[in-house]
Protein backbone atom coordinates (compact mmCIF):
# COMPACT_ATOMS: atom_id res chain seq x y z
CA MET A 1 0.33 -131.24 -29.85
CA LYS A 2 3.88 -130.99 -28.71
CA ARG A 3 4.70 -128.39 -26.09
CA ASP A 4 7.46 -126.79 -28.19
CA THR A 5 5.15 -125.82 -31.04
CA PRO A 6 3.68 -122.25 -31.08
CA ARG A 7 0.15 -123.67 -31.20
CA ALA A 8 0.66 -124.90 -27.69
CA ASN A 9 0.17 -121.43 -26.54
CA PRO A 10 -3.49 -120.31 -27.32
CA ILE A 11 -3.20 -117.27 -25.03
CA LEU A 12 -0.52 -115.60 -27.15
CA ALA A 13 -2.35 -116.59 -30.33
CA ALA A 14 -5.48 -114.93 -28.92
CA VAL A 15 -3.56 -111.75 -28.20
CA ALA A 16 -2.13 -111.83 -31.80
CA VAL A 17 -5.43 -112.20 -33.38
CA ALA A 18 -7.05 -109.58 -31.10
CA ARG A 19 -4.20 -107.17 -31.98
CA VAL A 20 -4.86 -107.62 -35.61
CA GLY A 21 -8.60 -107.01 -35.24
CA VAL A 22 -8.19 -103.95 -33.05
CA GLY A 23 -5.54 -102.54 -35.30
CA ALA A 24 -7.70 -103.05 -38.31
CA ALA A 25 -10.69 -101.38 -36.62
CA MET A 26 -8.37 -98.41 -35.70
CA ILE A 27 -7.40 -97.99 -39.36
CA LEU A 28 -10.86 -98.45 -40.74
CA ALA A 29 -12.96 -96.76 -38.23
CA PRO A 30 -10.77 -94.58 -35.87
CA GLY A 31 -13.75 -92.61 -34.69
CA ARG A 32 -15.06 -95.62 -32.84
CA PHE A 33 -12.13 -95.18 -30.38
CA PHE A 34 -12.23 -91.41 -29.68
CA ARG A 35 -14.09 -88.33 -30.58
CA ALA A 36 -12.08 -86.86 -33.51
CA GLY A 37 -10.96 -83.28 -32.93
CA SER A 38 -8.63 -82.97 -35.85
CA GLY A 39 -7.08 -84.87 -38.87
CA THR A 40 -3.96 -85.19 -36.74
CA GLU A 41 -5.78 -87.25 -34.14
CA THR A 42 -7.30 -89.47 -36.85
CA LEU A 43 -3.84 -89.95 -38.48
CA LEU A 44 -2.37 -90.91 -35.11
CA MET A 45 -5.09 -93.39 -34.41
CA LYS A 46 -4.52 -95.03 -37.80
CA THR A 47 -0.79 -95.24 -37.38
CA ILE A 48 -1.29 -96.98 -33.99
CA GLY A 49 -3.55 -99.36 -35.84
CA ILE A 50 -0.94 -100.05 -38.45
CA ARG A 51 1.49 -100.88 -35.63
CA ASP A 52 -0.90 -103.28 -34.05
CA VAL A 53 -1.68 -104.98 -37.34
CA VAL A 54 2.05 -105.44 -38.10
CA LEU A 55 2.81 -106.76 -34.54
CA GLY A 56 -0.28 -109.03 -34.52
CA SER A 57 0.38 -110.33 -38.01
CA GLY A 58 3.89 -111.26 -37.15
CA ALA A 59 2.73 -113.06 -34.02
CA CYS A 60 0.05 -114.87 -36.03
CA HIS A 61 2.51 -115.96 -38.62
CA ALA A 62 4.87 -117.27 -35.88
CA TRP A 63 1.96 -119.10 -34.25
CA THR A 64 0.85 -120.82 -37.51
CA GLY A 65 4.30 -121.56 -39.07
CA GLY A 66 7.14 -120.68 -36.83
CA THR A 67 8.70 -121.92 -33.72
CA HIS A 68 7.71 -121.40 -30.12
CA ALA A 69 10.70 -119.05 -29.80
CA ASP A 70 9.43 -116.98 -32.78
CA LEU A 71 6.02 -116.55 -31.13
CA ARG A 72 7.62 -115.61 -27.75
CA ARG A 73 9.79 -113.03 -29.53
CA TRP A 74 6.77 -111.43 -31.25
CA ALA A 75 4.76 -111.51 -28.04
CA THR A 76 7.69 -109.88 -26.24
CA VAL A 77 7.92 -107.14 -28.80
CA GLY A 78 4.12 -106.50 -28.43
CA MET A 79 4.50 -106.47 -24.64
CA LEU A 80 7.31 -103.96 -24.91
CA SER A 81 5.20 -101.75 -27.12
CA ASP A 82 2.17 -101.97 -24.77
CA SER A 83 4.43 -101.22 -21.79
CA ALA A 84 5.65 -98.11 -23.49
CA ASP A 85 2.06 -97.07 -24.26
CA LEU A 86 1.18 -97.55 -20.54
CA VAL A 87 4.11 -95.40 -19.34
CA LEU A 88 3.40 -92.73 -21.91
CA GLY A 89 -0.31 -92.68 -20.83
CA LEU A 90 0.68 -92.22 -17.17
CA ARG A 91 3.07 -89.38 -18.09
CA SER A 92 0.59 -87.64 -20.38
CA ARG A 93 -1.75 -85.90 -17.81
CA PRO A 94 -0.13 -82.45 -18.38
CA LEU A 95 -0.74 -82.81 -22.12
CA VAL A 96 -4.17 -84.25 -22.20
CA GLY A 97 -5.76 -83.98 -18.81
CA SER A 98 -6.39 -86.53 -16.17
CA ARG A 99 -9.34 -88.38 -17.72
CA SER A 100 -7.62 -88.84 -21.13
CA ALA A 101 -4.32 -89.85 -19.50
CA PHE A 102 -6.21 -92.47 -17.44
CA ILE A 103 -7.82 -93.82 -20.53
CA ALA A 104 -4.57 -93.91 -22.44
CA ALA A 105 -2.83 -95.64 -19.53
CA LEU A 106 -5.45 -98.29 -19.06
CA SER A 107 -5.97 -99.05 -22.74
CA PRO A 108 -2.96 -101.47 -23.19
CA VAL A 109 -3.54 -103.14 -19.83
CA PRO A 110 -5.63 -106.09 -21.11
CA PHE A 111 -3.04 -106.90 -23.77
CA LEU A 112 -0.21 -106.53 -21.18
CA ALA A 113 -1.98 -108.91 -18.73
CA ALA A 114 -2.72 -111.51 -21.44
CA GLU A 115 0.88 -111.24 -22.78
CA LEU A 116 2.37 -111.73 -19.37
CA PHE A 117 0.04 -114.61 -18.63
CA GLY A 118 0.83 -116.21 -21.97
CA LEU A 119 4.58 -115.73 -21.69
CA THR A 120 4.80 -117.08 -18.17
CA ARG A 121 2.78 -120.26 -18.56
């Protein structure tokens, strides 16, 4: 496979597929990710799932039929989204408490690490 094809980067492809899977699970079974306290929390979890499905689907499409630049662009947008989630989690302690803020801050870290690794290799 040529180096300039998106398929040459299986790490970014794995992140894209995982993002679609996690997003779908958040839409279909949001209670698996948190203990629902209200309909608002369920709605929020589902909207985050929709975002992940959209970002992951775009990256999957770029991986299967686009250029390497397309895949890098989608991965970069995903990384920006995950970075914003990390920062928001770190700043959310006054709103949700230390434990919940810690969980929120750490949740995007595996995606961020994989995206950084995939974009730098």
